[in-house]
N, C-alpha and C. Protein backbone atom coordinates (compact mmCIF):
# COMPACT_ATOMS: atom_id res chain seq x y z
N UNK A 1 -15.67 -62.48 112.43
CA UNK A 1 -16.10 -62.64 110.96
C UNK A 1 -15.41 -61.11 110.21
N UNK A 2 -14.79 -61.68 109.16
CA UNK A 2 -14.26 -60.76 108.17
C UNK A 2 -15.34 -59.81 107.59
N UNK A 3 -15.02 -58.43 107.78
CA UNK A 3 -16.17 -57.67 106.84
C UNK A 3 -16.46 -58.17 105.60
N UNK A 4 -15.67 -58.47 104.71
CA UNK A 4 -16.14 -58.74 103.62
C UNK A 4 -16.91 -60.20 103.67
N UNK A 5 -16.86 -60.86 104.38
CA UNK A 5 -17.94 -62.32 104.55
C UNK A 5 -19.01 -61.67 105.09
N UNK A 6 -18.90 -60.59 106.10
CA UNK A 6 -20.43 -59.84 106.33
C UNK A 6 -21.17 -59.17 105.51
N UNK A 7 -20.22 -58.62 104.57
CA UNK A 7 -20.99 -58.00 103.41
C UNK A 7 -21.66 -58.97 102.43
N UNK A 8 -20.88 -60.22 102.37
CA UNK A 8 -21.56 -61.08 101.57
C UNK A 8 -22.46 -61.93 101.73
N UNK A 9 -22.60 -61.98 103.44
CA UNK A 9 -23.97 -62.55 103.95
C UNK A 9 -24.70 -61.39 103.90
N UNK A 10 -24.47 -60.51 103.85
CA UNK A 10 -25.72 -59.20 103.74
C UNK A 10 -26.38 -59.44 102.45
N UNK A 11 -25.56 -59.32 101.68
CA UNK A 11 -25.68 -59.48 100.17
C UNK A 11 -26.75 -60.76 99.88
N UNK A 12 -26.31 -61.89 100.07
CA UNK A 12 -27.10 -63.16 100.01
C UNK A 12 -28.49 -62.81 100.63
N UNK A 13 -28.58 -62.46 101.72
CA UNK A 13 -30.00 -62.16 102.78
C UNK A 13 -30.79 -61.45 102.00
N UNK A 14 -30.13 -60.18 101.27
CA UNK A 14 -30.95 -59.17 100.58
C UNK A 14 -31.66 -59.82 99.25
N UNK A 15 -30.51 -60.59 98.71
CA UNK A 15 -31.07 -61.42 97.65
C UNK A 15 -32.24 -62.71 97.84
N UNK A 16 -31.77 -63.13 98.90
CA UNK A 16 -33.01 -64.03 99.43
C UNK A 16 -34.19 -63.42 99.71
N UNK A 17 -34.15 -62.58 100.50
CA UNK A 17 -35.51 -61.69 100.83
C UNK A 17 -36.42 -61.33 99.69
N UNK A 18 -35.47 -60.45 98.72
CA UNK A 18 -35.85 -59.99 97.52
C UNK A 18 -36.36 -61.20 96.57
N UNK A 19 -36.08 -62.20 96.26
CA UNK A 19 -36.58 -63.25 95.79
C UNK A 19 -37.84 -64.02 96.35
N UNK A 20 -37.91 -64.07 97.37
CA UNK A 20 -38.88 -64.70 97.83
C UNK A 20 -40.24 -63.80 97.85
N UNK A 21 -39.91 -62.61 98.34
CA UNK A 21 -40.95 -61.62 98.31
C UNK A 21 -41.91 -61.36 96.74
N UNK A 22 -41.06 -61.72 95.58
CA UNK A 22 -41.38 -61.71 94.49
C UNK A 22 -41.91 -63.03 94.23
N UNK A 23 -41.38 -64.47 94.54
CA UNK A 23 -41.72 -65.65 94.52
C UNK A 23 -43.26 -65.72 94.95
N UNK A 24 -43.27 -65.34 96.46
CA UNK A 24 -44.33 -65.48 97.19
C UNK A 24 -45.48 -64.76 97.05
N UNK A 25 -45.22 -63.18 96.69
CA UNK A 25 -46.36 -62.45 96.29
C UNK A 25 -46.49 -61.69 95.17
N UNK A 26 -45.34 -61.65 94.32
CA UNK A 26 -45.44 -61.07 93.17
C UNK A 26 -45.12 -59.53 93.00
N UNK A 27 -44.30 -59.23 94.57
CA UNK A 27 -44.07 -57.95 94.60
C UNK A 27 -42.46 -57.73 94.70
N UNK A 28 -42.29 -56.07 94.26
CA UNK A 28 -41.16 -56.14 93.97
C UNK A 28 -40.19 -55.47 95.29
N UNK A 29 -39.13 -55.87 95.90
CA UNK A 29 -38.49 -55.12 97.11
C UNK A 29 -37.80 -53.97 96.86
N UNK A 30 -38.49 -52.74 96.19
CA UNK A 30 -37.79 -51.72 96.01
C UNK A 30 -38.29 -50.80 97.09
N UNK A 31 -37.40 -50.17 98.08
CA UNK A 31 -37.93 -49.53 99.40
C UNK A 31 -38.75 -48.49 98.99
N UNK A 32 -38.43 -47.83 98.02
CA UNK A 32 -38.94 -46.21 97.80
C UNK A 32 -40.53 -47.05 97.63
N UNK A 33 -40.75 -47.58 96.60
CA UNK A 33 -42.02 -48.15 96.50
C UNK A 33 -42.95 -48.60 97.67
N UNK A 34 -42.35 -49.10 98.55
CA UNK A 34 -42.92 -49.77 99.59
C UNK A 34 -43.01 -48.85 100.57
N UNK A 35 -42.12 -47.72 100.95
CA UNK A 35 -42.69 -46.90 101.94
C UNK A 35 -43.73 -45.98 101.24
N UNK A 36 -43.29 -45.62 100.27
CA UNK A 36 -44.17 -44.95 99.22
C UNK A 36 -45.71 -45.29 99.44
N UNK A 37 -45.97 -46.98 99.33
CA UNK A 37 -47.45 -47.03 99.68
C UNK A 37 -47.83 -47.28 100.98
N UNK A 38 -46.99 -46.96 102.11
CA UNK A 38 -47.26 -46.68 103.49
C UNK A 38 -47.80 -45.32 103.47
N UNK A 39 -47.24 -44.70 102.96
CA UNK A 39 -47.09 -42.91 102.85
C UNK A 39 -48.93 -42.54 102.22
N UNK A 40 -48.92 -43.41 101.27
CA UNK A 40 -50.21 -43.09 100.38
C UNK A 40 -50.58 -44.63 100.03
N UNK A 41 -51.54 -44.82 101.10
CA UNK A 41 -51.83 -46.32 101.01
C UNK A 41 -53.45 -46.73 99.96
N UNK A 42 -53.16 -47.66 99.62
CA UNK A 42 -53.99 -48.44 98.99
C UNK A 42 -54.80 -49.57 99.91
N UNK A 43 -55.68 -49.86 99.61
CA UNK A 43 -56.65 -51.05 100.29
C UNK A 43 -56.13 -52.18 99.83
N UNK A 44 -55.77 -53.02 100.94
CA UNK A 44 -55.04 -54.29 100.79
C UNK A 44 -53.54 -54.31 100.43
N UNK A 45 -53.03 -53.13 100.68
CA UNK A 45 -51.54 -53.06 100.02
C UNK A 45 -50.35 -52.40 101.66
N UNK A 46 -51.39 -52.25 102.66
CA UNK A 46 -50.33 -51.74 103.88
C UNK A 46 -49.94 -52.82 104.70
N UNK A 47 -50.51 -53.76 105.02
CA UNK A 47 -50.03 -54.76 106.05
C UNK A 47 -48.52 -55.27 105.49
N UNK A 48 -48.61 -55.78 104.26
CA UNK A 48 -47.17 -56.31 104.12
C UNK A 48 -46.15 -55.49 103.95
N UNK A 49 -46.63 -54.11 103.32
CA UNK A 49 -45.39 -53.10 103.43
C UNK A 49 -44.84 -52.86 104.70
N UNK A 50 -46.34 -52.61 105.92
CA UNK A 50 -45.78 -52.43 106.76
C UNK A 50 -44.47 -53.50 107.76
N UNK A 51 -45.34 -54.68 107.57
CA UNK A 51 -44.61 -55.91 107.75
C UNK A 51 -42.93 -56.00 107.28
N UNK A 52 -42.53 -55.65 106.14
CA UNK A 52 -41.45 -55.40 105.90
C UNK A 52 -40.57 -54.73 106.11
N UNK A 53 -41.39 -53.53 106.35
CA UNK A 53 -40.43 -52.12 106.94
C UNK A 53 -40.02 -52.64 108.26
N UNK A 54 -40.81 -53.06 109.09
CA UNK A 54 -40.92 -53.40 110.58
C UNK A 54 -39.48 -54.67 110.68
N UNK A 55 -39.81 -55.66 109.58
CA UNK A 55 -38.63 -56.75 109.70
C UNK A 55 -37.52 -56.12 109.37
N UNK A 56 -37.59 -55.09 108.17
CA UNK A 56 -35.79 -54.44 107.93
C UNK A 56 -35.32 -53.74 108.87
N UNK A 57 -36.07 -53.02 109.83
CA UNK A 57 -35.96 -52.22 110.91
C UNK A 57 -35.66 -53.17 112.09
N UNK A 58 -36.39 -53.96 112.24
CA UNK A 58 -36.05 -54.79 113.26
C UNK A 58 -34.55 -55.60 112.89
N UNK A 59 -34.52 -56.15 111.80
CA UNK A 59 -33.14 -56.82 111.62
C UNK A 59 -31.79 -56.04 111.98
N UNK A 60 -31.95 -55.04 111.57
CA UNK A 60 -31.35 -54.15 111.83
C UNK A 60 -30.92 -53.88 113.35
N UNK A 61 -31.53 -53.28 114.16
CA UNK A 61 -31.94 -53.34 115.93
C UNK A 61 -31.54 -54.89 116.24
N UNK A 62 -31.64 -55.96 115.78
CA UNK A 62 -31.32 -57.12 116.19
C UNK A 62 -30.13 -57.27 115.93
N UNK A 63 -29.48 -56.96 114.94
CA UNK A 63 -27.95 -57.06 114.59
C UNK A 63 -26.87 -56.01 115.81
N UNK A 64 -27.30 -55.10 115.97
CA UNK A 64 -26.88 -54.28 117.10
C UNK A 64 -26.71 -54.58 118.08
N UNK A 65 -27.89 -55.54 118.50
CA UNK A 65 -28.29 -55.66 119.74
C UNK A 65 -27.14 -57.12 119.99
N UNK A 66 -27.20 -57.86 119.42
CA UNK A 66 -26.24 -58.88 119.06
C UNK A 66 -24.66 -58.85 118.77
N UNK A 67 -24.36 -57.69 118.26
CA UNK A 67 -23.18 -57.61 117.98
C UNK A 67 -22.65 -56.30 118.35
N UNK A 68 -22.53 -55.64 119.76
CA UNK A 68 -22.64 -54.61 120.17
C UNK A 68 -20.96 -54.15 119.75
N UNK A 69 -20.81 -52.68 119.63
CA UNK A 69 -19.67 -52.13 119.09
C UNK A 69 -19.60 -52.37 117.36
N UNK A 70 -20.42 -53.13 116.63
CA UNK A 70 -19.82 -53.55 115.48
C UNK A 70 -20.16 -52.18 114.45
N UNK A 71 -20.90 -51.51 115.10
CA UNK A 71 -21.35 -50.21 113.68
C UNK A 71 -20.95 -48.92 115.04
N UNK A 72 -20.09 -48.05 114.41
CA UNK A 72 -19.86 -46.79 115.21
C UNK A 72 -20.41 -45.62 114.00
N UNK A 73 -21.29 -45.13 114.38
CA UNK A 73 -21.47 -43.93 113.17
C UNK A 73 -20.32 -42.91 112.94
N UNK A 74 -20.09 -42.40 111.68
CA UNK A 74 -19.10 -41.35 111.32
C UNK A 74 -19.45 -40.00 111.90
N UNK A 75 -18.33 -39.57 112.41
CA UNK A 75 -18.40 -38.06 112.50
C UNK A 75 -18.29 -37.13 111.85
N UNK A 76 -18.25 -35.90 112.12
CA UNK A 76 -18.05 -34.59 111.34
C UNK A 76 -18.62 -34.45 110.17
N UNK A 77 -20.20 -34.91 110.07
CA UNK A 77 -20.80 -34.32 108.87
C UNK A 77 -21.93 -33.22 109.35
N UNK A 78 -22.26 -32.30 108.60
CA UNK A 78 -22.79 -31.44 108.83
C UNK A 78 -24.15 -31.56 108.58
N UNK A 79 -25.03 -31.36 109.90
CA UNK A 79 -26.44 -31.92 109.69
C UNK A 79 -27.33 -31.20 108.48
N UNK A 80 -26.86 -30.04 108.09
CA UNK A 80 -27.67 -29.46 107.15
C UNK A 80 -27.08 -30.29 105.70
N UNK A 81 -26.11 -30.35 105.59
CA UNK A 81 -25.51 -31.37 104.38
C UNK A 81 -26.17 -32.67 104.27
N UNK A 82 -26.33 -33.31 105.44
CA UNK A 82 -26.95 -34.80 105.55
C UNK A 82 -28.55 -34.42 105.11
N UNK A 83 -29.41 -33.44 105.65
CA UNK A 83 -30.42 -33.20 105.28
C UNK A 83 -30.77 -32.97 103.73
N UNK A 84 -29.88 -32.12 103.28
CA UNK A 84 -29.83 -31.65 101.57
C UNK A 84 -29.58 -32.84 100.89
N UNK A 85 -28.57 -33.77 101.37
CA UNK A 85 -28.27 -35.27 100.75
C UNK A 85 -29.54 -36.01 100.55
N UNK A 86 -30.47 -36.10 101.80
CA UNK A 86 -31.47 -37.05 101.80
C UNK A 86 -32.75 -36.33 100.87
N UNK A 87 -32.62 -35.04 100.87
CA UNK A 87 -33.47 -34.67 99.61
C UNK A 87 -33.32 -34.94 98.22
N UNK A 88 -31.87 -34.73 97.79
CA UNK A 88 -31.61 -35.13 96.53
C UNK A 88 -31.83 -36.33 96.13
N UNK A 89 -31.46 -37.37 97.27
CA UNK A 89 -31.82 -38.86 97.45
C UNK A 89 -33.30 -38.95 97.10
N UNK A 90 -33.99 -38.62 97.56
CA UNK A 90 -35.43 -38.23 97.17
C UNK A 90 -36.09 -38.12 96.24
N UNK A 91 -35.30 -36.88 95.41
CA UNK A 91 -35.71 -36.18 94.35
C UNK A 91 -35.45 -37.42 93.13
N UNK A 92 -34.33 -38.05 93.38
CA UNK A 92 -33.43 -38.72 92.37
C UNK A 92 -34.43 -40.26 92.42
N UNK A 93 -34.95 -40.44 93.54
CA UNK A 93 -35.61 -41.61 93.24
C UNK A 93 -36.94 -41.75 92.76
N UNK A 94 -37.30 -40.47 92.89
CA UNK A 94 -38.70 -40.01 92.19
C UNK A 94 -38.61 -39.95 90.64
N UNK A 95 -37.37 -38.99 90.26
CA UNK A 95 -36.71 -38.88 88.70
C UNK A 95 -36.59 -39.79 88.26
N UNK A 96 -36.06 -41.05 88.83
CA UNK A 96 -35.35 -42.62 88.46
C UNK A 96 -36.58 -43.39 88.32
N UNK A 97 -37.82 -43.24 89.33
CA UNK A 97 -38.93 -44.47 89.31
C UNK A 97 -38.29 -45.60 89.74
N UNK A 98 -37.63 -45.20 90.96
CA UNK A 98 -37.38 -46.28 92.08
C UNK A 98 -35.82 -46.05 92.53
N UNK A 99 -35.41 -46.68 93.45
CA UNK A 99 -34.64 -46.35 94.38
C UNK A 99 -33.33 -47.68 93.99
N UNK A 100 -32.08 -47.51 94.71
CA UNK A 100 -31.18 -48.53 94.01
C UNK A 100 -31.68 -49.88 94.66
N UNK A 101 -32.40 -49.98 95.50
CA UNK A 101 -32.62 -51.47 96.02
C UNK A 101 -33.60 -52.05 94.70
N UNK A 102 -34.55 -51.01 94.34
CA UNK A 102 -35.68 -52.12 93.31
C UNK A 102 -34.97 -52.22 91.73
N UNK A 103 -34.04 -51.26 91.49
CA UNK A 103 -33.28 -51.41 90.35
C UNK A 103 -32.13 -52.09 90.22
N UNK A 104 -31.22 -51.78 91.21
CA UNK A 104 -30.17 -52.52 91.54
C UNK A 104 -30.20 -54.39 91.71
N UNK A 105 -31.21 -54.55 92.58
CA UNK A 105 -31.28 -56.00 93.10
C UNK A 105 -32.63 -56.56 92.41
N UNK A 106 -33.47 -55.77 92.14
CA UNK A 106 -34.90 -56.29 91.83
C UNK A 106 -35.07 -56.37 90.40
N UNK A 107 -34.60 -54.89 89.77
CA UNK A 107 -34.64 -54.70 88.22
C UNK A 107 -33.60 -55.74 87.36
N UNK A 108 -32.22 -55.86 87.88
CA UNK A 108 -31.42 -56.23 87.13
C UNK A 108 -31.51 -57.93 87.23
N UNK A 109 -31.91 -58.22 88.38
CA UNK A 109 -32.53 -59.96 88.28
C UNK A 109 -33.31 -60.14 87.37
N UNK A 110 -34.35 -59.44 87.06
CA UNK A 110 -35.37 -59.55 86.32
C UNK A 110 -34.90 -59.03 84.77
N UNK A 111 -33.87 -58.71 84.25
CA UNK A 111 -33.29 -58.36 83.13
C UNK A 111 -33.77 -57.00 82.80
N UNK A 112 -34.48 -56.07 83.45
CA UNK A 112 -34.74 -54.84 83.07
C UNK A 112 -33.96 -53.99 82.62
N UNK A 113 -34.01 -53.74 81.29
CA UNK A 113 -33.15 -52.67 80.80
C UNK A 113 -33.47 -51.37 81.08
N UNK A 114 -34.36 -51.20 81.69
CA UNK A 114 -34.74 -49.52 82.35
C UNK A 114 -33.56 -49.38 83.81
N UNK A 115 -33.98 -50.69 84.32
CA UNK A 115 -33.04 -50.55 85.56
C UNK A 115 -31.41 -50.90 85.38
N UNK A 116 -31.08 -51.30 84.16
CA UNK A 116 -29.84 -51.39 83.83
C UNK A 116 -29.29 -49.98 83.50
N UNK A 117 -30.09 -49.45 82.76
CA UNK A 117 -29.79 -47.91 82.67
C UNK A 117 -29.54 -46.73 83.93
N UNK A 118 -30.51 -47.47 85.02
CA UNK A 118 -30.87 -46.58 85.91
C UNK A 118 -29.21 -47.01 87.11
N UNK A 119 -29.05 -48.39 87.27
CA UNK A 119 -27.95 -48.45 88.02
C UNK A 119 -26.69 -48.39 87.23
N UNK A 120 -26.55 -47.63 85.80
CA UNK A 120 -25.23 -47.49 85.07
C UNK A 120 -25.57 -45.65 85.63
N UNK A 121 -26.72 -45.56 85.65
CA UNK A 121 -26.21 -43.70 86.18
C UNK A 121 -26.01 -43.64 87.54
N UNK A 122 -26.60 -44.59 88.39
CA UNK A 122 -26.44 -44.27 89.81
C UNK A 122 -24.93 -44.59 90.12
N UNK A 123 -24.24 -45.39 89.41
CA UNK A 123 -22.97 -46.07 89.79
C UNK A 123 -21.98 -44.81 89.15
N UNK A 124 -22.25 -44.35 88.02
CA UNK A 124 -21.52 -43.21 87.43
C UNK A 124 -21.37 -41.70 88.25
N UNK A 125 -22.67 -41.84 88.39
CA UNK A 125 -22.76 -40.45 89.82
C UNK A 125 -22.34 -41.06 90.99
N UNK A 126 -22.48 -41.63 91.72
CA UNK A 126 -21.46 -42.10 92.65
C UNK A 126 -19.94 -42.13 92.49
N UNK A 127 -19.38 -42.59 91.57
CA UNK A 127 -17.96 -42.82 91.08
C UNK A 127 -17.58 -41.00 91.36
N UNK A 128 -18.63 -40.65 90.49
CA UNK A 128 -17.99 -38.92 90.35
C UNK A 128 -18.10 -37.99 91.35
N UNK A 129 -19.06 -38.51 92.35
CA UNK A 129 -19.27 -37.90 93.29
C UNK A 129 -18.10 -38.07 94.50
N UNK A 130 -17.68 -39.31 94.44
CA UNK A 130 -16.65 -39.62 95.33
C UNK A 130 -15.73 -39.11 94.69
N UNK A 131 -15.36 -38.98 93.60
CA UNK A 131 -14.07 -38.57 93.25
C UNK A 131 -13.90 -36.78 93.44
N UNK A 132 -14.64 -35.91 93.29
CA UNK A 132 -14.97 -34.72 93.67
C UNK A 132 -14.75 -34.55 94.95
N UNK A 133 -15.57 -35.29 96.26
CA UNK A 133 -15.31 -35.25 97.30
C UNK A 133 -14.02 -35.45 97.98
N UNK A 134 -13.46 -36.66 97.45
CA UNK A 134 -12.32 -37.24 97.79
C UNK A 134 -11.10 -36.33 97.51
N UNK A 135 -10.86 -35.59 96.17
CA UNK A 135 -10.01 -35.39 95.42
C UNK A 135 -9.88 -33.60 94.92
N UNK A 136 -10.99 -32.93 94.68
CA UNK A 136 -11.32 -31.65 94.30
C UNK A 136 -11.85 -31.02 95.45
N UNK A 137 -12.60 -31.34 96.54
CA UNK A 137 -13.07 -30.45 97.62
C UNK A 137 -12.12 -30.22 98.58
């Protein structure tokens, strides 16, 4: 299967999962909020979050098992820079009151203006960062 078809199929599955979670439970499929609810639990809010995360990780593991060789990690990245990037992503997620999945997939689908502004900021930052890394660094 072509890579664009795999990307399309993945996007459709993410959309279906986010829609079903919203329709069936009234909850938004923002990963940072789901993980945050597991790390700082409230009564009656943990089981569905853990189930969602297990499904998310399990689906990725199943894909790797069913499609050996479909994924090869990129080499040559500094572990320190990767940790710093992760910290910056976490900081940005808190600052933006949500992550790309929450704003981009769920927020835009609900026509949230706050999510629209967040997605514009995410995209502008990603474009600028890619330009700097590929052309100026």
